[in-house]
């Protein structure tokens, strides 16, 4: 499309093509360090404290942009025992950490909840309209530099397509967690009932028959294995007040007649300052917030335990985690890993890294404008000058020398463009030079 053409002469297909092209252009995202999310651990802790819960799940979406304004969506869902099962779920609406108390029906946050088909996720949703029913509470929080309210009273949020879609995606994610929890609980209850029945009846039958025939009682383990014909999983997490860590364990029981091979995966709160320690079986990172352990062989009638601790949390921060598996056959108490969802998580991670790289390139271009002697390297004096550029938004005079020492080549006492670009996109995503900044909205 020729840039000299008049807007009125542009046809509908050409306008549509322009919109598609606009979305493909990579632009420097606005800074997101101005947002103030509640964060998933605090949401989970607050909901669990207020409501006696069987299950609680939270999702914090990556920051996005709508109309040039950054925003971030957080959602929490709690499935409780002290909430009425025949009434609509309790809706908690929050904007920039401030609860919204009135005009619930006309609020964008409520409309997002109503748009989800909650029947798929285990809640009653008569006619697929309105707020679902069940013993649950749903919290939706929008953090943004420009929250669009319906009026000056700031009681409800106005419609916004980008925000609506982000909230809907977050709600569907916590909904999947609820559905998996209910399915897993139902499987466990049935399996436990069968297991207890078999363990009560078989020993009695064995004892009576052995007494009648005058023989020794046989080993019942192979018989129980043949009847149960399943692999069981049981996870547990508890706070250790002495070591100040959250101790987690996954116990596996092979009640089948043949050896099994599995890859076990578990969710954990991966973030800065939080780490997994004291693993009895060495694990590996599968994706953000997902750890995996490969089990070579789990023999028939064999029990195995995976144990690890999470350091960097406080008491009550992490009380539940999900267990997934790869391998043939089912594991009662664990969920088959959805590879499509895992691939989606990886794509989001890669997209975030690409955005960081684009932002770093942009900053490097601006900073290298302070290369007065055109040496392709910046010394401390030139870096001081660069503090008046975008570098000044993320650094200070005290960090310039530290930045050279941390990122510059050995004994060069300078920083070149490559070293500046590498700094905000290094493997730890932290540095002294670019301290406490999120270049693309991804921590």
Protein backbone atom coordinates (compact mmCIF):
# COMPACT_ATOMS: atom_id res chain seq x y z
CA UNK A 1 0.00 0.00 0.00
CA UNK A 2 1.52 3.26 -1.13
CA UNK A 3 2.04 5.62 1.82
CA UNK A 4 0.92 8.57 -0.33
CA UNK A 5 -2.57 7.17 -0.83
CA UNK A 6 -5.51 8.91 0.78
CA UNK A 7 -7.11 6.97 3.67
CA UNK A 8 -10.50 7.16 2.00
CA UNK A 9 -9.23 5.20 -1.02
CA UNK A 10 -8.12 2.19 1.03
CA UNK A 11 -10.37 -0.82 0.48
CA UNK A 12 -11.66 -3.12 3.21
CA UNK A 13 -9.28 -6.02 2.32
CA UNK A 14 -6.35 -3.59 2.35
CA UNK A 15 -7.39 -2.23 5.74
CA UNK A 16 -7.65 -5.78 7.06
CA UNK A 17 -4.18 -6.56 5.70
CA UNK A 18 -2.82 -3.46 7.46
CA UNK A 19 -4.31 -4.58 10.77
CA UNK A 20 -2.73 -8.01 10.39
CA UNK A 21 0.63 -6.39 9.58
CA UNK A 22 0.40 -4.08 12.59
CA UNK A 23 0.04 -7.08 14.90
CA UNK A 24 3.15 -8.73 13.46
CA UNK A 25 5.40 -5.72 14.05
CA UNK A 26 7.59 -6.06 17.15
CA UNK A 27 7.50 -2.82 19.09
CA UNK A 28 9.18 -1.94 22.35
CA UNK A 29 6.64 -2.72 25.06
CA UNK A 30 5.93 0.02 27.61
CA UNK A 31 7.56 -0.49 31.03
CA UNK A 32 5.61 -2.81 33.32
CA UNK A 33 7.50 -2.23 36.56
CA UNK A 34 4.84 0.35 37.37
CA UNK A 35 2.21 -2.41 37.76
CA UNK A 36 1.41 -3.74 41.21
CA UNK A 37 0.10 -7.33 41.03
CA UNK A 38 -1.01 -9.09 44.20
CA UNK A 39 0.98 -12.20 43.12
CA UNK A 40 -0.27 -15.76 43.20
CA UNK A 41 1.15 -16.76 46.57
CA UNK A 42 -0.58 -13.89 48.38
CA UNK A 43 -3.86 -14.57 46.54
CA UNK A 44 -3.69 -18.24 47.47
CA UNK A 45 -2.80 -17.43 51.07
CA UNK A 46 -5.61 -14.88 51.41
CA UNK A 47 -8.29 -17.09 49.88
CA UNK A 48 -7.25 -20.12 51.96
CA UNK A 49 -7.31 -18.06 55.15
CA UNK A 50 -10.84 -16.75 54.49
CA UNK A 51 -12.38 -20.00 53.21
CA UNK A 52 -11.85 -23.59 54.30
CA UNK A 53 -10.63 -25.02 51.02
CA UNK A 54 -10.27 -28.39 49.36
CA UNK A 55 -8.58 -26.83 46.37
CA UNK A 56 -7.18 -23.41 45.48
CA UNK A 57 -5.57 -22.35 42.21
CA UNK A 58 -4.14 -19.03 41.04
CA UNK A 59 -2.91 -17.70 37.71
CA UNK A 60 -0.88 -14.56 37.06
CA UNK A 61 -0.78 -13.75 33.36
CA UNK A 62 2.20 -12.06 31.75
CA UNK A 63 1.78 -8.29 31.37
CA UNK A 64 0.06 -7.17 28.17
CA UNK A 65 -0.74 -3.88 26.48
CA UNK A 66 -4.12 -2.38 25.56
CA UNK A 67 -4.33 1.02 23.91
CA UNK A 68 -0.69 1.69 24.76
CA UNK A 69 -1.28 1.07 28.48
CA UNK A 70 0.29 -1.93 30.23
CA UNK A 71 -1.97 -4.21 32.26
CA UNK A 72 -1.76 -7.52 34.06
CA UNK A 73 -4.48 -10.01 34.98
CA UNK A 74 -4.57 -12.27 38.04
CA UNK A 75 -7.20 -14.88 38.83
CA UNK A 76 -7.76 -17.08 41.87
CA UNK A 77 -10.29 -19.88 42.34
CA UNK A 78 -11.01 -21.65 45.60
CA UNK A 79 -13.23 -24.70 45.97
CA UNK A 80 -14.35 -24.81 49.60
CA UNK A 81 -16.31 -26.89 52.06
CA UNK A 82 -18.02 -24.07 53.97
CA UNK A 83 -19.65 -22.45 50.94
CA UNK A 84 -23.21 -23.28 49.76
CA UNK A 85 -23.26 -25.65 46.78
CA UNK A 86 -26.64 -24.48 45.44
CA UNK A 87 -25.84 -20.75 45.29
CA UNK A 88 -23.86 -18.72 42.73
CA UNK A 89 -20.13 -18.68 43.33
CA UNK A 90 -18.76 -15.73 45.23
CA UNK A 91 -17.23 -13.17 42.88
CA UNK A 92 -14.37 -11.00 44.18
CA UNK A 93 -13.47 -8.11 41.85
CA UNK A 94 -10.30 -6.09 42.37
CA UNK A 95 -8.74 -3.26 40.36
CA UNK A 96 -5.22 -2.11 41.29
CA UNK A 97 -5.56 -3.89 44.64
CA UNK A 98 -8.80 -2.02 45.46
CA UNK A 99 -11.96 -4.17 45.88
CA UNK A 100 -14.96 -3.25 43.73
CA UNK A 101 -18.11 -3.57 45.82
CA UNK A 102 -20.96 -2.39 43.60
CA UNK A 103 -22.41 -2.78 40.08
CA UNK A 104 -21.19 -6.34 39.76
CA UNK A 105 -23.50 -7.20 36.87
CA UNK A 106 -22.25 -4.42 34.62
CA UNK A 107 -18.54 -5.00 35.23
CA UNK A 108 -16.12 -6.38 32.66
CA UNK A 109 -14.64 -8.73 35.27
CA UNK A 110 -18.05 -10.33 35.91
CA UNK A 111 -18.79 -10.57 32.18
CA UNK A 112 -15.52 -12.45 31.71
CA UNK A 113 -16.56 -14.97 34.35
CA UNK A 114 -19.98 -15.39 32.76
CA UNK A 115 -18.44 -16.00 29.31
CA UNK A 116 -16.69 -19.22 30.39
CA UNK A 117 -18.50 -22.57 30.08
CA UNK A 118 -18.00 -23.65 33.69
CA UNK A 119 -19.87 -26.91 33.20
CA UNK A 120 -16.71 -28.25 31.53
CA UNK A 121 -14.77 -27.57 34.71
CA UNK A 122 -17.10 -29.15 37.26
CA UNK A 123 -19.34 -26.25 38.31
CA UNK A 124 -23.06 -25.95 37.63
CA UNK A 125 -23.79 -23.41 34.91
CA UNK A 126 -27.51 -23.56 34.04
CA UNK A 127 -28.05 -22.58 30.41
CA UNK A 128 -24.40 -21.51 30.12
CA UNK A 129 -25.39 -18.03 31.26
CA UNK A 130 -24.67 -15.88 34.27
CA UNK A 131 -22.41 -16.66 37.18
CA UNK A 132 -21.89 -20.42 37.79
CA UNK A 133 -23.14 -22.21 40.90
CA UNK A 134 -21.13 -24.22 43.38
CA UNK A 135 -19.11 -24.09 46.61
CA UNK A 136 -16.45 -21.83 45.15
CA UNK A 137 -15.16 -18.27 45.05
CA UNK A 138 -13.49 -16.58 42.07
CA UNK A 139 -11.18 -13.59 42.41
CA UNK A 140 -10.24 -11.45 39.40
CA UNK A 141 -7.65 -8.69 39.73
CA UNK A 142 -6.71 -6.16 37.05
CA UNK A 143 -3.55 -4.14 37.53
CA UNK A 144 -3.07 -1.33 35.01
CA UNK A 145 -1.77 2.20 34.65
CA UNK A 146 -5.12 3.17 33.15
CA UNK A 147 -8.15 1.26 34.44
CA UNK A 148 -11.22 2.07 32.38
CA UNK A 149 -14.19 2.47 34.72
CA UNK A 150 -17.81 2.84 33.65
CA UNK A 151 -18.23 6.05 35.65
CA UNK A 152 -16.49 8.48 37.98
CA UNK A 153 -17.69 6.38 40.94
CA UNK A 154 -15.16 3.69 39.93
CA UNK A 155 -17.51 0.84 40.84
CA UNK A 156 -17.19 -1.29 37.67
CA UNK A 157 -14.89 -1.74 34.68
CA UNK A 158 -15.93 -0.86 31.13
CA UNK A 159 -15.60 -3.24 28.17
CA UNK A 160 -12.17 -3.81 26.65
CA UNK A 161 -11.52 -6.67 24.24
CA UNK A 162 -7.84 -7.21 25.07
CA UNK A 163 -8.46 -7.26 28.83
CA UNK A 164 -11.55 -9.47 28.37
CA UNK A 165 -9.55 -12.08 26.43
CA UNK A 166 -6.72 -12.12 28.98
CA UNK A 167 -9.14 -12.62 31.87
CA UNK A 168 -10.95 -15.37 29.99
CA UNK A 169 -7.71 -17.26 29.33
CA UNK A 170 -6.75 -17.02 33.01
CA UNK A 171 -10.19 -18.25 34.09
CA UNK A 172 -9.98 -21.22 31.74
CA UNK A 173 -6.58 -22.11 33.18
CA UNK A 174 -7.79 -22.18 36.79
CA UNK A 175 -10.89 -24.03 35.55
CA UNK A 176 -8.72 -26.78 34.12
CA UNK A 177 -7.01 -27.06 37.48
CA UNK A 178 -10.38 -27.48 39.24
CA UNK A 179 -11.52 -30.11 36.74
CA UNK A 180 -8.31 -32.10 37.19
CA UNK A 181 -8.59 -31.83 40.97
CA UNK A 182 -12.15 -33.16 41.00
CA UNK A 183 -11.29 -35.97 38.61
CA UNK A 184 -8.24 -36.93 40.65
CA UNK A 185 -10.20 -36.85 43.93
CA UNK A 186 -12.91 -39.08 42.47
CA UNK A 187 -10.34 -41.59 41.19
CA UNK A 188 -8.61 -41.67 44.54
CA UNK A 189 -11.83 -42.23 46.48
CA UNK A 190 -12.84 -45.17 44.28
CA UNK A 191 -9.37 -46.71 44.33
CA UNK A 192 -9.02 -46.28 48.11
CA UNK A 193 -12.41 -47.88 48.70
CA UNK A 194 -11.44 -50.84 46.53
CA UNK A 195 -8.00 -51.13 48.11
CA UNK A 196 -9.37 -51.08 51.67
CA UNK A 197 -12.02 -53.65 50.77
CA UNK A 198 -9.46 -55.99 49.24
CA UNK A 199 -7.09 -55.61 52.19
CA UNK A 200 -9.86 -56.45 54.65
CA UNK A 201 -11.47 -59.36 52.83
CA UNK A 202 -8.47 -61.21 51.39
CA UNK A 203 -6.55 -61.67 54.67
CA UNK A 204 -9.74 -63.06 56.26
CA UNK A 205 -10.27 -65.49 53.38
CA UNK A 206 -6.60 -66.50 53.47
CA UNK A 207 -6.65 -67.13 57.22
CA UNK A 208 -9.84 -69.23 57.10
CA UNK A 209 -8.71 -71.33 54.12
CA UNK A 210 -5.24 -71.91 55.62
CA UNK A 211 -6.81 -73.02 58.90
CA UNK A 212 -9.16 -75.43 57.14
CA UNK A 213 -6.43 -76.92 54.92
CA UNK A 214 -3.75 -76.84 57.60
CA UNK A 215 -1.33 -74.86 55.47
CA UNK A 216 0.68 -71.69 55.90
CA UNK A 217 -0.90 -68.46 54.75
CA UNK A 218 0.33 -67.48 51.26
CA UNK A 219 1.92 -64.15 50.31
CA UNK A 220 -1.00 -61.93 49.31
CA UNK A 221 1.02 -59.18 47.61
CA UNK A 222 0.89 -60.77 44.10
CA UNK A 223 -2.84 -61.43 44.52
CA UNK A 224 -3.57 -57.85 45.61
CA UNK A 225 -1.44 -56.59 42.71
CA UNK A 226 -3.44 -58.69 40.26
CA UNK A 227 -6.76 -57.42 41.61
CA UNK A 228 -5.85 -53.74 41.89
CA UNK A 229 -3.89 -53.58 38.58
CA UNK A 230 -3.07 -49.89 38.99
CA UNK A 231 -0.28 -47.48 39.88
CA UNK A 232 -1.07 -45.04 42.67
CA UNK A 233 0.39 -41.61 43.38
CA UNK A 234 0.12 -39.60 46.58
CA UNK A 235 1.62 -36.15 47.04
CA UNK A 236 2.18 -34.27 50.27
CA UNK A 237 3.63 -30.89 51.27
CA UNK A 238 4.30 -29.55 54.76
CA UNK A 239 6.16 -26.66 56.36
CA UNK A 240 9.31 -27.50 58.29
CA UNK A 241 9.61 -24.84 61.00
CA UNK A 242 13.15 -25.91 61.90
CA UNK A 243 14.72 -25.76 58.43
CA UNK A 244 12.32 -23.00 57.19
CA UNK A 245 11.53 -24.91 54.00
CA UNK A 246 8.45 -26.50 52.45
CA UNK A 247 9.02 -30.25 52.28
CA UNK A 248 7.29 -32.07 49.42
CA UNK A 249 7.04 -35.75 48.54
CA UNK A 250 5.48 -37.86 45.79
CA UNK A 251 4.89 -41.52 46.68
CA UNK A 252 4.29 -44.09 43.94
CA UNK A 253 2.88 -47.61 44.45
CA UNK A 254 3.01 -50.12 41.58
CA UNK A 255 0.12 -52.54 42.04
CA UNK A 256 0.48 -54.06 38.59
CA UNK A 257 2.05 -57.30 37.38
CA UNK A 258 4.82 -55.72 35.29
CA UNK A 259 7.58 -53.10 35.65
CA UNK A 260 6.71 -49.52 34.74
CA UNK A 261 8.70 -46.59 33.38
CA UNK A 262 7.50 -43.06 34.00
CA UNK A 263 8.58 -39.45 33.90
CA UNK A 264 7.01 -37.69 36.88
CA UNK A 265 6.45 -33.94 36.75
CA UNK A 266 5.33 -31.54 39.49
CA UNK A 267 4.46 -27.87 39.66
CA UNK A 268 6.39 -25.56 41.96
CA UNK A 269 6.52 -21.76 42.52
CA UNK A 270 9.53 -20.92 40.35
CA UNK A 271 10.58 -17.33 40.87
CA UNK A 272 13.51 -15.22 41.98
CA UNK A 273 14.71 -16.19 45.46
CA UNK A 274 12.88 -19.55 45.45
CA UNK A 275 14.71 -22.78 44.67
CA UNK A 276 14.38 -26.56 44.94
CA UNK A 277 16.83 -28.20 47.34
CA UNK A 278 17.46 -31.61 48.91
CA UNK A 279 16.21 -33.76 46.05
CA UNK A 280 16.60 -37.49 46.73
CA UNK A 281 16.33 -38.10 42.95
CA UNK A 282 17.97 -35.56 40.67
CA UNK A 283 15.39 -33.69 38.64
CA UNK A 284 15.45 -31.27 35.71
CA UNK A 285 13.52 -28.18 34.68
CA UNK A 286 10.87 -28.96 32.06
CA UNK A 287 9.31 -25.50 31.79
CA UNK A 288 8.67 -22.49 33.98
CA UNK A 289 7.22 -23.79 37.25
CA UNK A 290 7.47 -27.45 36.17
CA UNK A 291 10.07 -29.96 37.45
CA UNK A 292 10.55 -33.51 36.15
CA UNK A 293 12.13 -36.76 37.40
CA UNK A 294 12.75 -39.77 35.18
CA UNK A 295 12.10 -43.17 36.78
CA UNK A 296 13.88 -45.97 34.94
CA UNK A 297 11.98 -48.89 36.47
CA UNK A 298 9.21 -49.27 39.03
CA UNK A 299 8.94 -52.98 39.76
CA UNK A 300 5.66 -54.78 40.60
CA UNK A 301 4.67 -54.29 44.27
CA UNK A 302 7.45 -51.71 44.61
CA UNK A 303 7.03 -48.39 46.39
CA UNK A 304 9.08 -45.34 45.47
CA UNK A 305 9.27 -41.82 46.90
CA UNK A 306 10.44 -38.59 45.29
CA UNK A 307 11.22 -35.98 47.91
CA UNK A 308 12.42 -32.39 47.63
CA UNK A 309 12.24 -29.13 49.55
CA UNK A 310 11.42 -25.61 48.40
CA UNK A 311 13.57 -22.90 49.92
CA UNK A 312 12.70 -19.20 49.91
CA UNK A 313 9.02 -19.39 50.93
CA UNK A 314 7.18 -18.56 54.14
CA UNK A 315 4.80 -20.78 56.06
CA UNK A 316 1.53 -21.25 54.19
CA UNK A 317 2.84 -19.88 50.88
CA UNK A 318 2.78 -23.25 49.12
CA UNK A 319 0.41 -25.93 50.39
CA UNK A 320 -0.65 -27.80 47.23
CA UNK A 321 0.98 -28.90 44.00
CA UNK A 322 -0.08 -30.86 40.93
CA UNK A 323 1.55 -34.08 39.74
CA UNK A 324 1.71 -35.12 36.08
CA UNK A 325 3.26 -38.08 34.31
CA UNK A 326 4.51 -39.36 30.97
CA UNK A 327 4.35 -43.09 30.24
CA UNK A 328 2.05 -45.95 29.35
CA UNK A 329 -0.91 -46.74 31.57
CA UNK A 330 -2.65 -44.54 34.09
CA UNK A 331 -1.47 -43.35 37.49
CA UNK A 332 -4.31 -42.84 39.93
CA UNK A 333 -3.71 -39.54 41.71
CA UNK A 334 -1.68 -37.99 38.87
CA UNK A 335 -2.65 -36.50 35.52
CA UNK A 336 -1.40 -37.37 32.06
CA UNK A 337 0.67 -34.44 30.86
CA UNK A 338 -1.06 -32.43 28.14
CA UNK A 339 1.78 -31.87 25.68
CA UNK A 340 -0.19 -29.15 23.86
CA UNK A 341 -0.44 -27.06 27.03
CA UNK A 342 3.25 -27.66 27.75
CA UNK A 343 4.13 -26.50 24.24
CA UNK A 344 2.01 -23.39 24.78
CA UNK A 345 3.92 -22.62 27.99
CA UNK A 346 7.21 -23.01 26.15
CA UNK A 347 6.05 -20.73 23.33
CA UNK A 348 5.12 -18.06 25.88
CA UNK A 349 8.57 -18.38 27.45
CA UNK A 350 10.29 -18.06 24.08
CA UNK A 351 8.12 -15.09 23.14
CA UNK A 352 9.05 -13.38 26.41
CA UNK A 353 12.76 -13.99 25.76
CA UNK A 354 12.44 -12.62 22.22
CA UNK A 355 10.73 -9.50 23.57
CA UNK A 356 13.57 -9.06 26.06
CA UNK A 357 16.10 -9.34 23.24
CA UNK A 358 14.25 -6.77 21.12
CA UNK A 359 14.10 -4.41 24.11
CA UNK A 360 17.79 -4.96 24.86
CA UNK A 361 18.72 -4.21 21.24
CA UNK A 362 16.71 -1.00 21.38
CA UNK A 363 18.39 0.11 24.61
CA UNK A 364 21.82 -0.81 23.25
CA UNK A 365 21.22 1.31 20.14
CA UNK A 366 20.28 4.29 22.29
CA UNK A 367 23.17 3.81 24.71
CA UNK A 368 25.78 3.46 21.97
CA UNK A 369 24.81 6.95 20.87
CA UNK A 370 27.04 8.10 23.76
CA UNK A 371 30.11 6.60 22.05
CA UNK A 372 31.79 10.01 21.59
CA UNK A 373 35.10 8.73 20.20
CA UNK A 374 33.38 6.18 17.92
CA UNK A 375 35.52 3.40 19.43
CA UNK A 376 32.60 0.94 19.59
CA UNK A 377 33.27 0.72 23.35
CA UNK A 378 31.92 2.81 26.20
CA UNK A 379 34.22 3.74 29.06
CA UNK A 380 32.99 4.94 32.45
CA UNK A 381 32.81 8.58 31.29
CA UNK A 382 30.73 7.68 28.26
CA UNK A 383 28.50 5.47 30.41
CA UNK A 384 27.98 8.44 32.71
CA UNK A 385 26.81 10.36 29.64
CA UNK A 386 24.56 7.42 28.74
CA UNK A 387 22.73 7.85 32.04
CA UNK A 388 20.85 10.66 30.31
CA UNK A 389 19.57 8.09 27.76
CA UNK A 390 17.23 5.12 28.41
CA UNK A 391 20.06 3.57 30.40
CA UNK A 392 19.39 6.16 33.08
CA UNK A 393 15.95 4.64 33.66
CA UNK A 394 17.50 1.39 34.77
CA UNK A 395 20.87 2.30 36.23
CA UNK A 396 22.57 4.78 38.49
CA UNK A 397 26.04 6.29 38.80
CA UNK A 398 26.98 3.79 41.49
CA UNK A 399 26.24 0.84 39.17
CA UNK A 400 28.25 2.03 36.16
CA UNK A 401 31.60 0.80 37.46
CA UNK A 402 29.97 -2.35 38.81
CA UNK A 403 28.42 -2.92 35.37
CA UNK A 404 31.82 -2.70 33.68
CA UNK A 405 33.33 -5.10 36.20
CA UNK A 406 30.40 -7.52 35.92
CA UNK A 407 29.82 -7.55 32.15
CA UNK A 408 32.92 -6.12 30.46
CA UNK A 409 35.68 -8.19 28.98
CA UNK A 410 38.56 -8.96 31.31
CA UNK A 411 40.70 -5.87 32.04
CA UNK A 412 39.04 -3.85 29.23
CA UNK A 413 37.38 -1.35 31.61
CA UNK A 414 34.77 -0.74 28.88
CA UNK A 415 31.47 -2.11 27.61
CA UNK A 416 30.75 -2.75 23.95
CA UNK A 417 27.35 -3.06 22.29
CA UNK A 418 27.25 -6.86 22.60
CA UNK A 419 28.01 -6.74 26.33
CA UNK A 420 25.31 -4.12 26.89
CA UNK A 421 22.80 -6.21 24.92
CA UNK A 422 23.69 -9.41 26.77
CA UNK A 423 23.25 -7.78 30.17
CA UNK A 424 19.43 -7.67 30.48
CA UNK A 425 19.01 -10.98 28.63
CA UNK A 426 21.51 -13.12 30.51
CA UNK A 427 20.57 -16.54 31.84
CA UNK A 428 19.56 -15.27 35.26
CA UNK A 429 17.69 -12.28 33.79
CA UNK A 430 19.29 -10.11 36.45
CA UNK A 431 22.30 -7.82 36.55
CA UNK A 432 23.81 -5.01 38.50
CA UNK A 433 23.80 -2.71 35.49
CA UNK A 434 20.12 -3.22 34.65
CA UNK A 435 18.93 -3.64 38.20
CA UNK A 436 15.31 -4.33 39.20
CA UNK A 437 13.81 -3.77 35.76
CA UNK A 438 11.50 -5.86 33.55
CA UNK A 439 12.33 -4.97 29.97
CA UNK A 440 9.45 -6.81 28.31
CA UNK A 441 6.99 -7.37 31.13
CA UNK A 442 8.32 -10.85 31.86
CA UNK A 443 10.18 -11.41 35.12
